[in-house]
Structures are given as C-alpha cells and as structure tokens.
Amino acid sequence: KVLDYLNIDTERGSVAVVMNVRSSKHGKKD
C-alpha cells in the first residue's frame, strides 16, 4: 500500500519490498 501511494517509476532503479520481517520494536514490519 505504501509503494502504491509513492506512485514511483520503477524503471529508474531497483525496488525491493520486504514483508513481515522480524522487528524487536514492533514484532513484525515491512
């Protein structure tokens, strides 16, 4: 959803979305 709001041109560079990563602060994060 965040990536969608950014409305970026994916041709300009590399884009990586990592989901449900462990986080000591939040439990899980993207």
All heavy atoms as atom14 arrays in JSON, in Angstrom:
{
  "sequence": "KVLDYLNIDTERGSVAVVMNVRSSKHGKKD",
  "atom14_mask": [
    [1, 1, 1, 1, 1, 1, 1, 1, 1, 0, 0, 0, 0, 0],
    [1, 1, 1, 1, 1, 1, 1, 0, 0, 0, 0, 0, 0, 0],
    [1, 1, 1, 1, 1, 1, 1, 1, 0, 0, 0, 0, 0, 0],
    [1, 1, 1, 1, 1, 1, 1, 1, 0, 0, 0, 0, 0, 0],
    [1, 1, 1, 1, 1, 1, 1, 1, 1, 1, 1, 1, 0, 0],
    [1, 1, 1, 1, 1, 1, 1, 1, 0, 0, 0, 0, 0, 0],
    [1, 1, 1, 1, 1, 1, 1, 1, 0, 0, 0, 0, 0, 0],
    [1, 1, 1, 1, 1, 1, 1, 1, 0, 0, 0, 0, 0, 0],
    [1, 1, 1, 1, 1, 1, 1, 1, 0, 0, 0, 0, 0, 0],
    [1, 1, 1, 1, 1, 1, 1, 0, 0, 0, 0, 0, 0, 0],
    [1, 1, 1, 1, 1, 1, 1, 1, 1, 0, 0, 0, 0, 0],
    [1, 1, 1, 1, 1, 1, 1, 1, 1, 1, 1, 0, 0, 0],
    [1, 1, 1, 1, 0, 0, 0, 0, 0, 0, 0, 0, 0, 0],
    [1, 1, 1, 1, 1, 1, 0, 0, 0, 0, 0, 0, 0, 0],
    [1, 1, 1, 1, 1, 1, 1, 0, 0, 0, 0, 0, 0, 0],
    [1, 1, 1, 1, 1, 0, 0, 0, 0, 0, 0, 0, 0, 0],
    [1, 1, 1, 1, 1, 1, 1, 0, 0, 0, 0, 0, 0, 0],
    [1, 1, 1, 1, 1, 1, 1, 0, 0, 0, 0, 0, 0, 0],
    [1, 1, 1, 1, 1, 1, 1, 1, 0, 0, 0, 0, 0, 0],
    [1, 1, 1, 1, 1, 1, 1, 1, 0, 0, 0, 0, 0, 0],
    [1, 1, 1, 1, 1, 1, 1, 0, 0, 0, 0, 0, 0, 0],
    [1, 1, 1, 1, 1, 1, 1, 1, 1, 1, 1, 0, 0, 0],
    [1, 1, 1, 1, 1, 1, 0, 0, 0, 0, 0, 0, 0, 0],
    [1, 1, 1, 1, 1, 1, 0, 0, 0, 0, 0, 0, 0, 0],
    [1, 1, 1, 1, 1, 1, 1, 1, 1, 0, 0, 0, 0, 0],
    [1, 1, 1, 1, 1, 1, 1, 1, 1, 1, 0, 0, 0, 0],
    [1, 1, 1, 1, 0, 0, 0, 0, 0, 0, 0, 0, 0, 0],
    [1, 1, 1, 1, 1, 1, 1, 1, 1, 0, 0, 0, 0, 0],
    [1, 1, 1, 1, 1, 1, 1, 1, 1, 0, 0, 0, 0, 0],
    [1, 1, 1, 1, 1, 1, 1, 1, 0, 0, 0, 0, 0, 0]
  ],
  "atom14_positions": [
    [[0.83, -1.2, 0.0], [0.0, 0.0, 0.0], [0.87, 1.26, 0.0], [0.6, 2.22, -0.72], [-0.93, -0.01, 1.22], [-1.97, 1.07, 1.2], [-2.95, 0.89, 2.35], [-4.04, 1.91, 2.3], [-5.0, 1.76, 3.38], [0.0, 0.0, 0.0], [0.0, 0.0, 0.0], [0.0, 0.0, 0.0], [0.0, 0.0, 0.0], [0.0, 0.0, 0.0]],
    [[1.94, 1.24, 0.79], [2.89, 2.36, 0.82], [3.51, 2.53, -0.56], [3.59, 3.65, -1.08], [3.97, 2.14, 1.9], [5.11, 3.12, 1.74], [3.36, 2.24, 3.29], [0.0, 0.0, 0.0], [0.0, 0.0, 0.0], [0.0, 0.0, 0.0], [0.0, 0.0, 0.0], [0.0, 0.0, 0.0], [0.0, 0.0, 0.0], [0.0, 0.0, 0.0]],
    [[3.93, 1.45, -1.17], [4.53, 1.51, -2.5], [3.55, 2.08, -3.52], [3.92, 2.89, -4.37], [5.01, 0.12, -2.93], [5.88, 0.05, -4.16], [7.16, 0.83, -3.96], [6.19, -1.39, -4.5], [0.0, 0.0, 0.0], [0.0, 0.0, 0.0], [0.0, 0.0, 0.0], [0.0, 0.0, 0.0], [0.0, 0.0, 0.0], [0.0, 0.0, 0.0]],
    [[2.29, 1.73, -3.4], [1.26, 2.26, -4.29], [1.1, 3.77, -4.11], [0.98, 4.51, -5.08], [-0.07, 1.54, -4.04], [-1.15, 1.94, -5.02], [-0.86, 1.99, -6.23], [-2.28, 2.22, -4.58], [0.0, 0.0, 0.0], [0.0, 0.0, 0.0], [0.0, 0.0, 0.0], [0.0, 0.0, 0.0], [0.0, 0.0, 0.0], [0.0, 0.0, 0.0]],
    [[1.11, 4.24, -2.87], [0.98, 5.68, -2.6], [2.16, 6.47, -3.15], [2.01, 7.62, -3.52], [0.87, 5.94, -1.09], [-0.54, 5.96, -0.57], [-1.19, 4.79, -0.22], [-1.22, 7.14, -0.4], [-2.48, 4.8, 0.28], [-2.52, 7.17, 0.09], [-3.14, 6.0, 0.42], [-4.41, 6.0, 0.91], [0.0, 0.0, 0.0], [0.0, 0.0, 0.0]],
    [[3.33, 5.85, -3.2], [4.52, 6.55, -3.7], [4.41, 6.87, -5.19], [4.99, 7.84, -5.65], [5.78, 5.72, -3.45], [6.24, 5.63, -2.02], [7.41, 4.67, -1.91], [6.61, 6.99, -1.48], [0.0, 0.0, 0.0], [0.0, 0.0, 0.0], [0.0, 0.0, 0.0], [0.0, 0.0, 0.0], [0.0, 0.0, 0.0], [0.0, 0.0, 0.0]],
    [[3.69, 6.01, -5.93], [3.49, 6.24, -7.37], [4.82, 6.5, -8.09], [4.97, 7.49, -8.79], [2.51, 7.4, -7.57], [1.97, 7.43, -8.98], [1.91, 6.39, -9.64], [1.58, 8.59, -9.45], [0.0, 0.0, 0.0], [0.0, 0.0, 0.0], [0.0, 0.0, 0.0], [0.0, 0.0, 0.0], [0.0, 0.0, 0.0], [0.0, 0.0, 0.0]],
    [[5.78, 5.61, -7.88], [7.1, 5.8, -8.46], [7.24, 5.1, -9.8], [6.53, 4.15, -10.1], [8.21, 5.31, -7.5], [8.04, 3.82, -7.23], [8.26, 6.1, -6.24], [9.22, 3.2, -6.55], [0.0, 0.0, 0.0], [0.0, 0.0, 0.0], [0.0, 0.0, 0.0], [0.0, 0.0, 0.0], [0.0, 0.0, 0.0], [0.0, 0.0, 0.0]],
    [[8.18, 5.59, -10.59], [8.52, 4.99, -11.87], [9.55, 3.9, -11.6], [10.71, 4.19, -11.29], [9.08, 6.06, -12.81], [9.54, 5.51, -14.13], [9.22, 4.35, -14.45], [10.25, 6.24, -14.85], [0.0, 0.0, 0.0], [0.0, 0.0, 0.0], [0.0, 0.0, 0.0], [0.0, 0.0, 0.0], [0.0, 0.0, 0.0], [0.0, 0.0, 0.0]],
    [[9.17, 2.64, -11.71], [10.06, 1.53, -11.37], [11.17, 1.32, -12.38], [12.05, 0.49, -12.17], [9.26, 0.22, -11.2], [8.51, -0.03, -12.4], [8.33, 0.29, -10.01], [0.0, 0.0, 0.0], [0.0, 0.0, 0.0], [0.0, 0.0, 0.0], [0.0, 0.0, 0.0], [0.0, 0.0, 0.0], [0.0, 0.0, 0.0], [0.0, 0.0, 0.0]],
    [[11.17, 2.07, -13.45], [12.25, 1.98, -14.45], [13.5, 2.72, -13.99], [14.58, 2.48, -14.52], [11.77, 2.56, -15.79], [10.57, 1.84, -16.39], [10.9, 0.42, -16.83], [11.98, 0.21, -17.37], [10.06, -0.47, -16.59], [0.0, 0.0, 0.0], [0.0, 0.0, 0.0], [0.0, 0.0, 0.0], [0.0, 0.0, 0.0], [0.0, 0.0, 0.0]],
    [[13.38, 3.63, -13.04], [14.51, 4.47, -12.61], [15.54, 3.73, -11.77], [16.69, 4.12, -11.73], [14.01, 5.66, -11.81], [13.4, 6.72, -12.66], [13.01, 7.98, -11.94], [13.67, 8.21, -10.68], [13.17, 8.93, -9.71], [11.98, 9.47, -9.85], [13.81, 9.12, -8.58], [0.0, 0.0, 0.0], [0.0, 0.0, 0.0], [0.0, 0.0, 0.0]],
    [[15.13, 2.7, -11.06], [16.06, 2.0, -10.19], [15.44, 0.74, -9.63], [14.31, 0.38, -9.97], [0.0, 0.0, 0.0], [0.0, 0.0, 0.0], [0.0, 0.0, 0.0], [0.0, 0.0, 0.0], [0.0, 0.0, 0.0], [0.0, 0.0, 0.0], [0.0, 0.0, 0.0], [0.0, 0.0, 0.0], [0.0, 0.0, 0.0], [0.0, 0.0, 0.0]],
    [[16.17, 0.07, -8.76], [15.7, -1.16, -8.16], [14.75, -0.86, -7.0], [14.98, 0.08, -6.23], [16.87, -1.97, -7.62], [17.74, -2.32, -8.67], [0.0, 0.0, 0.0], [0.0, 0.0, 0.0], [0.0, 0.0, 0.0], [0.0, 0.0, 0.0], [0.0, 0.0, 0.0], [0.0, 0.0, 0.0], [0.0, 0.0, 0.0], [0.0, 0.0, 0.0]],
    [[13.7, -1.66, -6.88], [12.72, -1.52, -5.81], [12.6, -2.87, -5.11], [12.38, -3.88, -5.77], [11.34, -1.08, -6.35], [10.32, -1.02, -5.24], [11.45, 0.25, -7.07], [0.0, 0.0, 0.0], [0.0, 0.0, 0.0], [0.0, 0.0, 0.0], [0.0, 0.0, 0.0], [0.0, 0.0, 0.0], [0.0, 0.0, 0.0], [0.0, 0.0, 0.0]],
    [[12.74, -2.87, -3.79], [12.58, -4.1, -3.01], [11.56, -3.85, -1.91], [11.62, -2.84, -1.21], [13.91, -4.51, -2.4], [0.0, 0.0, 0.0], [0.0, 0.0, 0.0], [0.0, 0.0, 0.0], [0.0, 0.0, 0.0], [0.0, 0.0, 0.0], [0.0, 0.0, 0.0], [0.0, 0.0, 0.0], [0.0, 0.0, 0.0], [0.0, 0.0, 0.0]],
    [[10.61, -4.76, -1.8], [9.63, -4.72, -0.72], [9.82, -6.0, 0.09], [9.69, -7.1, -0.45], [8.18, -4.65, -1.25], [7.19, -4.62, -0.09], [7.99, -3.44, -2.14], [0.0, 0.0, 0.0], [0.0, 0.0, 0.0], [0.0, 0.0, 0.0], [0.0, 0.0, 0.0], [0.0, 0.0, 0.0], [0.0, 0.0, 0.0], [0.0, 0.0, 0.0]],
    [[10.15, -5.85, 1.35], [10.34, -6.98, 2.23], [9.22, -6.93, 3.25], [9.03, -5.93, 3.93], [11.72, -6.92, 2.93], [11.95, -8.17, 3.75], [12.83, -6.72, 1.92], [0.0, 0.0, 0.0], [0.0, 0.0, 0.0], [0.0, 0.0, 0.0], [0.0, 0.0, 0.0], [0.0, 0.0, 0.0], [0.0, 0.0, 0.0], [0.0, 0.0, 0.0]],
    [[8.47, -8.03, 3.34], [7.28, -8.03, 4.19], [7.43, -9.01, 5.35], [8.04, -10.06, 5.21], [6.05, -8.36, 3.35], [5.83, -7.34, 2.23], [4.4, -7.68, 1.21], [3.13, -7.1, 2.31], [0.0, 0.0, 0.0], [0.0, 0.0, 0.0], [0.0, 0.0, 0.0], [0.0, 0.0, 0.0], [0.0, 0.0, 0.0], [0.0, 0.0, 0.0]],
    [[6.82, -8.64, 6.46], [6.76, -9.48, 7.66], [8.13, -9.88, 8.19], [8.37, -11.02, 8.56], [5.89, -10.72, 7.41], [4.46, -10.35, 7.17], [3.9, -9.54, 7.89], [3.87, -10.92, 6.13], [0.0, 0.0, 0.0], [0.0, 0.0, 0.0], [0.0, 0.0, 0.0], [0.0, 0.0, 0.0], [0.0, 0.0, 0.0], [0.0, 0.0, 0.0]],
    [[9.03, -8.88, 8.26], [10.37, -9.09, 8.81], [10.28, -8.96, 10.32], [9.54, -8.13, 10.84], [11.33, -8.02, 8.23], [12.71, -8.15, 8.83], [11.38, -8.11, 6.73], [0.0, 0.0, 0.0], [0.0, 0.0, 0.0], [0.0, 0.0, 0.0], [0.0, 0.0, 0.0], [0.0, 0.0, 0.0], [0.0, 0.0, 0.0], [0.0, 0.0, 0.0]],
    [[11.05, -9.77, 11.04], [11.05, -9.66, 12.5], [11.6, -8.31, 12.94], [12.55, -7.8, 12.38], [11.92, -10.77, 13.1], [11.15, -12.04, 13.28], [11.98, -13.1, 13.96], [12.02, -14.2, 12.99], [13.09, -14.84, 12.61], [14.25, -14.58, 13.12], [13.01, -15.79, 11.72], [0.0, 0.0, 0.0], [0.0, 0.0, 0.0], [0.0, 0.0, 0.0]],
    [[10.94, -7.75, 13.95], [11.35, -6.45, 14.49], [11.3, -6.52, 16.01], [10.29, -6.97, 16.57], [10.4, -5.36, 13.98], [10.57, -4.17, 14.7], [0.0, 0.0, 0.0], [0.0, 0.0, 0.0], [0.0, 0.0, 0.0], [0.0, 0.0, 0.0], [0.0, 0.0, 0.0], [0.0, 0.0, 0.0], [0.0, 0.0, 0.0], [0.0, 0.0, 0.0]],
    [[12.36, -6.06, 16.66], [12.37, -6.07, 18.11], [11.38, -5.05, 18.69], [10.82, -5.24, 19.75], [13.77, -5.79, 18.65], [14.24, -4.55, 18.17], [0.0, 0.0, 0.0], [0.0, 0.0, 0.0], [0.0, 0.0, 0.0], [0.0, 0.0, 0.0], [0.0, 0.0, 0.0], [0.0, 0.0, 0.0], [0.0, 0.0, 0.0], [0.0, 0.0, 0.0]],
    [[11.14, -3.95, 17.95], [10.21, -2.91, 18.4], [8.75, -3.26, 18.15], [7.89, -3.03, 18.98], [10.49, -1.61, 17.65], [11.35, -0.63, 18.34], [11.37, 0.65, 17.52], [12.26, 1.67, 18.14], [12.35, 2.86, 17.32], [0.0, 0.0, 0.0], [0.0, 0.0, 0.0], [0.0, 0.0, 0.0], [0.0, 0.0, 0.0], [0.0, 0.0, 0.0]],
    [[8.46, -3.78, 16.94], [7.07, -3.93, 16.51], [6.62, -5.37, 16.33], [5.5, -5.61, 15.91], [6.86, -3.17, 15.19], [7.26, -1.73, 15.26], [6.55, -0.8, 15.98], [8.29, -1.06, 14.72], [7.12, 0.39, 15.86], [8.2, 0.26, 15.11], [0.0, 0.0, 0.0], [0.0, 0.0, 0.0], [0.0, 0.0, 0.0], [0.0, 0.0, 0.0]],
    [[7.48, -6.33, 16.59], [7.12, -7.72, 16.36], [7.41, -8.1, 14.91], [8.28, -8.89, 14.62], [0.0, 0.0, 0.0], [0.0, 0.0, 0.0], [0.0, 0.0, 0.0], [0.0, 0.0, 0.0], [0.0, 0.0, 0.0], [0.0, 0.0, 0.0], [0.0, 0.0, 0.0], [0.0, 0.0, 0.0], [0.0, 0.0, 0.0], [0.0, 0.0, 0.0]],
    [[6.66, -7.49, 13.98], [6.89, -7.66, 12.55], [6.74, -6.32, 11.87], [6.04, -5.45, 12.36], [5.9, -8.66, 11.95], [6.14, -10.07, 12.41], [5.31, -11.04, 11.6], [5.65, -12.44, 12.07], [5.87, -13.33, 10.99], [0.0, 0.0, 0.0], [0.0, 0.0, 0.0], [0.0, 0.0, 0.0], [0.0, 0.0, 0.0], [0.0, 0.0, 0.0]],
    [[7.42, -6.17, 10.73], [7.36, -4.92, 9.99], [7.62, -5.19, 8.52], [8.04, -6.28, 8.14], [8.41, -3.93, 10.51], [9.84, -4.39, 10.27], [10.85, -3.39, 10.78], [12.28, -3.87, 10.53], [13.28, -2.91, 10.98], [0.0, 0.0, 0.0], [0.0, 0.0, 0.0], [0.0, 0.0, 0.0], [0.0, 0.0, 0.0], [0.0, 0.0, 0.0]],
    [[7.35, -4.19, 7.69], [7.7, -4.22, 6.27], [8.78, -3.18, 6.02], [8.89, -2.2, 6.77], [6.49, -3.9, 5.38], [5.42, -4.98, 5.4], [5.63, -6.02, 6.06], [4.38, -4.78, 4.76], [0.0, 0.0, 0.0], [0.0, 0.0, 0.0], [0.0, 0.0, 0.0], [0.0, 0.0, 0.0], [0.0, 0.0, 0.0], [0.0, 0.0, 0.0]]
  ]
}
